[in-house]
């Protein structure tokens, strides 16, 4: 007989049995051992039909093809730029992937992206742990202008964004700030008033700190209304 032993959004630790029986199937960070579905990470249980997964509460960012990331230009070479994206190795942004514009050899590349600039880019190639290629060709991929940059645990990014972007949209609407969130945990915030930017930052920090507690959306909404 199949049975769920841990309720939706409850915290589990590695090795903890979430469900028994063959009616349920393991998804992210859950594995089957005999009749048992077992967590492999510290996180929150998520049940979607027959599928059970664990949403990690902590964990380092692991680059994957298709991820949208925010990175910082840290080096410029003849053939492109090196980007710090919070990984052990820097990523590569080549001339051909940076722009559709023809760039002559020997051109001043700082006219496009300068040292210290932040960009929203997509990972299109990952080879091992040391070679990551980025592209700027795609909707929403761009150089980010002046603003504040903060970092959250990459495991909390889905909570910061919310279902179909609901959480981050609520923060944008309440503060009037433009906000971009990279899957590597880097967040860019730009508003017309420093106080509004600070409110957005505090709201995001609140989400990161309280993501495992039920009623998060209501608490963030209440916080934003108090700080209008």
Protein backbone atom coordinates (compact mmCIF):
# COMPACT_ATOMS: atom_id res chain seq x y z
CA UNK A 1 0.00 0.00 0.00
CA UNK A 2 1.37 3.40 -0.99
CA UNK A 3 1.56 6.15 1.59
CA UNK A 4 2.97 9.68 1.81
CA UNK A 5 4.76 10.07 5.13
CA UNK A 6 5.88 13.71 4.75
CA UNK A 7 3.43 16.45 3.83
CA UNK A 8 3.85 19.05 1.09
CA UNK A 9 6.36 21.82 2.00
CA UNK A 10 7.64 20.02 5.09
CA UNK A 11 11.41 19.94 5.58
CA UNK A 12 13.27 16.67 5.09
CA UNK A 13 16.89 15.70 5.64
CA UNK A 14 19.07 13.38 3.53
CA UNK A 15 18.06 9.76 4.04
CA UNK A 16 14.55 10.56 5.26
CA UNK A 17 11.70 8.45 3.82
CA UNK A 18 9.10 10.66 2.11
CA UNK A 19 6.72 8.02 0.77
CA UNK A 20 6.32 4.27 0.40
CA UNK A 21 4.85 2.14 -2.36
CA UNK A 22 5.00 2.16 -6.15
CA UNK A 23 2.18 4.67 -6.74
CA UNK A 24 4.63 7.56 -6.36
CA UNK A 25 7.63 8.34 -8.55
CA UNK A 26 10.93 10.06 -7.59
CA UNK A 27 11.83 13.40 -9.16
CA UNK A 28 14.52 15.94 -8.21
CA UNK A 29 16.74 14.95 -5.26
CA UNK A 30 14.56 11.93 -4.45
CA UNK A 31 15.59 8.32 -5.11
CA UNK A 32 13.91 4.96 -4.76
CA UNK A 33 15.24 2.23 -2.51
CA UNK A 34 12.93 -0.77 -2.56
CA UNK A 35 9.43 0.49 -1.79
CA UNK A 36 10.70 3.74 -0.26
CA UNK A 37 11.18 7.19 -1.82
CA UNK A 38 14.06 8.83 0.01
CA UNK A 39 15.39 12.39 0.08
CA UNK A 40 19.00 13.00 -0.95
CA UNK A 41 19.10 16.65 0.16
CA UNK A 42 18.01 18.99 2.92
CA UNK A 43 14.94 20.71 1.51
CA UNK A 44 11.20 21.08 1.13
CA UNK A 45 8.95 18.31 -0.13
CA UNK A 46 7.03 19.11 -3.33
CA UNK A 47 4.29 16.77 -4.58
CA UNK A 48 2.94 17.09 -8.12
CA UNK A 49 0.52 14.28 -8.93
CA UNK A 50 2.51 11.05 -8.64
CA UNK A 51 5.88 12.82 -8.71
CA UNK A 52 7.68 13.73 -5.49
CA UNK A 53 10.73 15.97 -5.39
CA UNK A 54 12.77 17.91 -2.85
CA UNK A 55 13.50 21.60 -3.35
CA UNK A 56 16.94 22.15 -1.74
CA UNK A 57 17.25 24.80 0.96
CA UNK A 58 20.97 25.18 0.37
CA UNK A 59 23.52 24.26 -2.23
CA UNK A 60 26.12 25.74 -4.57
CA UNK A 61 25.12 26.80 -8.06
CA UNK A 62 25.91 24.26 -10.78
CA UNK A 63 25.91 25.75 -14.32
CA UNK A 64 23.59 24.09 -16.83
CA UNK A 65 22.98 24.68 -20.52
CA UNK A 66 20.03 27.04 -20.98
CA UNK A 67 20.43 28.81 -17.61
CA UNK A 68 19.99 32.58 -17.62
CA UNK A 69 22.70 34.09 -15.43
CA UNK A 70 23.91 37.50 -14.34
CA UNK A 71 27.67 37.90 -14.53
CA UNK A 72 30.35 40.55 -14.20
CA UNK A 73 33.00 41.38 -16.81
CA UNK A 74 36.39 40.72 -15.18
CA UNK A 75 38.72 40.42 -18.17
CA UNK A 76 38.84 41.43 -21.82
CA UNK A 77 40.93 39.62 -24.44
CA UNK A 78 41.37 39.71 -28.19
CA UNK A 79 38.50 37.33 -28.85
CA UNK A 80 36.01 38.35 -26.19
CA UNK A 81 35.28 38.75 -22.51
CA UNK A 82 35.70 36.70 -19.34
CA UNK A 83 32.69 36.72 -17.05
CA UNK A 84 32.54 36.02 -13.31
CA UNK A 85 29.25 34.24 -12.63
CA UNK A 86 29.94 32.98 -9.12
CA UNK A 87 31.42 29.68 -10.29
CA UNK A 88 34.90 28.35 -9.60
CA UNK A 89 35.92 29.17 -13.18
CA UNK A 90 35.09 32.21 -15.28
CA UNK A 91 32.79 31.88 -18.29
CA UNK A 92 33.65 32.90 -21.85
CA UNK A 93 31.69 35.37 -23.99
CA UNK A 94 33.09 35.39 -27.52
CA UNK A 95 32.75 38.17 -30.07
CA UNK A 96 30.37 36.14 -32.24
CA UNK A 97 28.10 35.35 -29.30
CA UNK A 98 28.14 38.85 -27.81
CA UNK A 99 26.51 40.76 -30.64
CA UNK A 100 25.17 40.41 -34.17
CA UNK A 101 27.25 43.46 -35.09
CA UNK A 102 30.48 42.86 -37.00
CA UNK A 103 33.49 43.68 -34.81
CA UNK A 104 36.78 44.28 -36.56
CA UNK A 105 39.85 42.58 -35.18
CA UNK A 106 41.68 44.88 -32.78
CA UNK A 107 38.58 46.97 -31.98
CA UNK A 108 38.18 48.50 -28.54
CA UNK A 109 35.91 45.94 -26.92
CA UNK A 110 35.20 48.17 -23.91
CA UNK A 111 32.74 50.02 -26.18
CA UNK A 112 30.51 46.97 -25.91
CA UNK A 113 31.21 45.59 -22.42
CA UNK A 114 33.71 47.20 -20.07
CA UNK A 115 35.40 45.97 -16.92
CA UNK A 116 32.89 45.81 -14.08
CA UNK A 117 29.81 45.76 -16.33
CA UNK A 118 27.06 43.32 -15.41
CA UNK A 119 25.30 41.34 -18.12
CA UNK A 120 22.31 39.04 -18.39
CA UNK A 121 23.44 36.11 -20.53
CA UNK A 122 22.52 32.51 -21.33
CA UNK A 123 24.72 29.47 -20.89
CA UNK A 124 24.78 27.64 -24.21
CA UNK A 125 27.70 25.28 -23.68
CA UNK A 126 29.15 23.49 -20.63
CA UNK A 127 32.13 21.18 -21.01
CA UNK A 128 33.20 19.64 -17.74
CA UNK A 129 33.63 22.13 -14.90
CA UNK A 130 36.13 24.49 -16.51
CA UNK A 131 34.67 25.54 -19.86
CA UNK A 132 31.42 27.51 -19.93
CA UNK A 133 30.34 29.52 -22.98
CA UNK A 134 27.78 32.31 -22.85
CA UNK A 135 25.61 34.00 -25.45
CA UNK A 136 23.92 37.40 -25.51
CA UNK A 137 21.71 36.51 -28.47
CA UNK A 138 18.20 36.01 -27.15
CA UNK A 139 15.24 37.88 -25.67
CA UNK A 140 16.08 39.81 -22.51
CA UNK A 141 19.83 39.20 -22.81
CA UNK A 142 21.62 42.52 -22.43
CA UNK A 143 24.07 44.69 -20.57
CA UNK A 144 22.57 45.79 -17.27
CA UNK A 145 22.76 49.48 -16.43
CA UNK A 146 23.45 51.22 -13.12
CA UNK A 147 21.84 49.50 -10.16
CA UNK A 148 22.43 47.44 -7.06
CA UNK A 149 23.63 43.86 -7.21
CA UNK A 150 22.95 41.35 -4.46
CA UNK A 151 23.47 37.61 -4.16
CA UNK A 152 21.08 34.94 -2.86
CA UNK A 153 21.56 31.21 -2.53
CA UNK A 154 20.87 29.78 -5.99
CA UNK A 155 18.61 27.14 -4.41
CA UNK A 156 16.27 29.98 -3.35
CA UNK A 157 15.96 31.52 -6.83
CA UNK A 158 12.68 29.69 -7.68
CA UNK A 159 11.13 31.11 -4.49
CA UNK A 160 12.39 34.62 -5.28
CA UNK A 161 10.85 34.44 -8.75
CA UNK A 162 7.66 32.67 -7.66
CA UNK A 163 5.23 30.63 -9.73
CA UNK A 164 5.08 32.13 -13.23
CA UNK A 165 7.04 35.12 -11.90
CA UNK A 166 4.39 36.05 -9.33
CA UNK A 167 6.71 36.88 -6.42
CA UNK A 168 9.19 39.03 -8.30
CA UNK A 169 6.32 40.79 -10.14
CA UNK A 170 4.77 41.69 -6.79
CA UNK A 171 8.05 43.27 -5.66
CA UNK A 172 8.44 45.16 -8.95
CA UNK A 173 4.89 46.52 -8.77
CA UNK A 174 5.25 47.61 -5.14
CA UNK A 175 8.64 49.33 -5.55
CA UNK A 176 8.66 50.43 -9.18
CA UNK A 177 12.10 48.86 -9.53
CA UNK A 178 13.42 46.96 -12.50
CA UNK A 179 14.69 43.61 -11.26
CA UNK A 180 16.52 40.80 -13.04
CA UNK A 181 17.26 37.48 -11.36
CA UNK A 182 19.95 35.09 -12.58
CA UNK A 183 19.70 31.38 -11.92
CA UNK A 184 23.18 31.63 -10.44
CA UNK A 185 21.71 33.64 -7.55
CA UNK A 186 22.80 37.11 -8.67
CA UNK A 187 20.06 39.75 -8.58
CA UNK A 188 20.19 43.20 -10.24
CA UNK A 189 17.90 45.95 -8.94
CA UNK A 190 17.44 49.43 -10.39
CA UNK A 191 14.95 51.98 -9.11
CA UNK A 192 14.32 55.72 -9.31
CA UNK A 193 14.69 56.11 -5.52
CA UNK A 194 17.29 54.53 -3.20
CA UNK A 195 14.56 53.84 -0.62
CA UNK A 196 12.58 51.80 -3.15
CA UNK A 197 15.68 49.80 -4.07
CA UNK A 198 16.33 49.12 -0.39
CA UNK A 199 12.74 47.91 0.09
CA UNK A 200 13.14 45.53 -2.86
CA UNK A 201 16.42 44.22 -1.42
CA UNK A 202 14.88 43.65 2.01
CA UNK A 203 11.90 41.84 0.43
CA UNK A 204 14.23 39.51 -1.48
CA UNK A 205 16.32 38.89 1.65
CA UNK A 206 13.10 38.08 3.51
CA UNK A 207 12.18 35.51 0.86
CA UNK A 208 15.62 33.92 1.09
CA UNK A 209 15.47 33.73 4.90
CA UNK A 210 11.87 32.51 5.16
CA UNK A 211 11.43 30.43 2.00
CA UNK A 212 10.81 27.25 4.00
CA UNK A 213 7.95 28.73 6.07
CA UNK A 214 4.36 28.51 4.87
CA UNK A 215 2.49 31.73 4.07
CA UNK A 216 5.54 33.39 2.54
CA UNK A 217 3.61 35.27 -0.18
CA UNK A 218 1.25 36.85 2.35
CA UNK A 219 4.15 37.92 4.59
CA UNK A 220 6.05 39.50 1.71
CA UNK A 221 2.89 41.27 0.55
CA UNK A 222 2.33 42.63 4.06
CA UNK A 223 5.96 43.76 4.26
CA UNK A 224 5.71 45.62 0.94
CA UNK A 225 2.46 47.33 1.94
CA UNK A 226 4.04 48.53 5.19
CA UNK A 227 7.03 49.94 3.35
CA UNK A 228 5.29 51.74 0.50
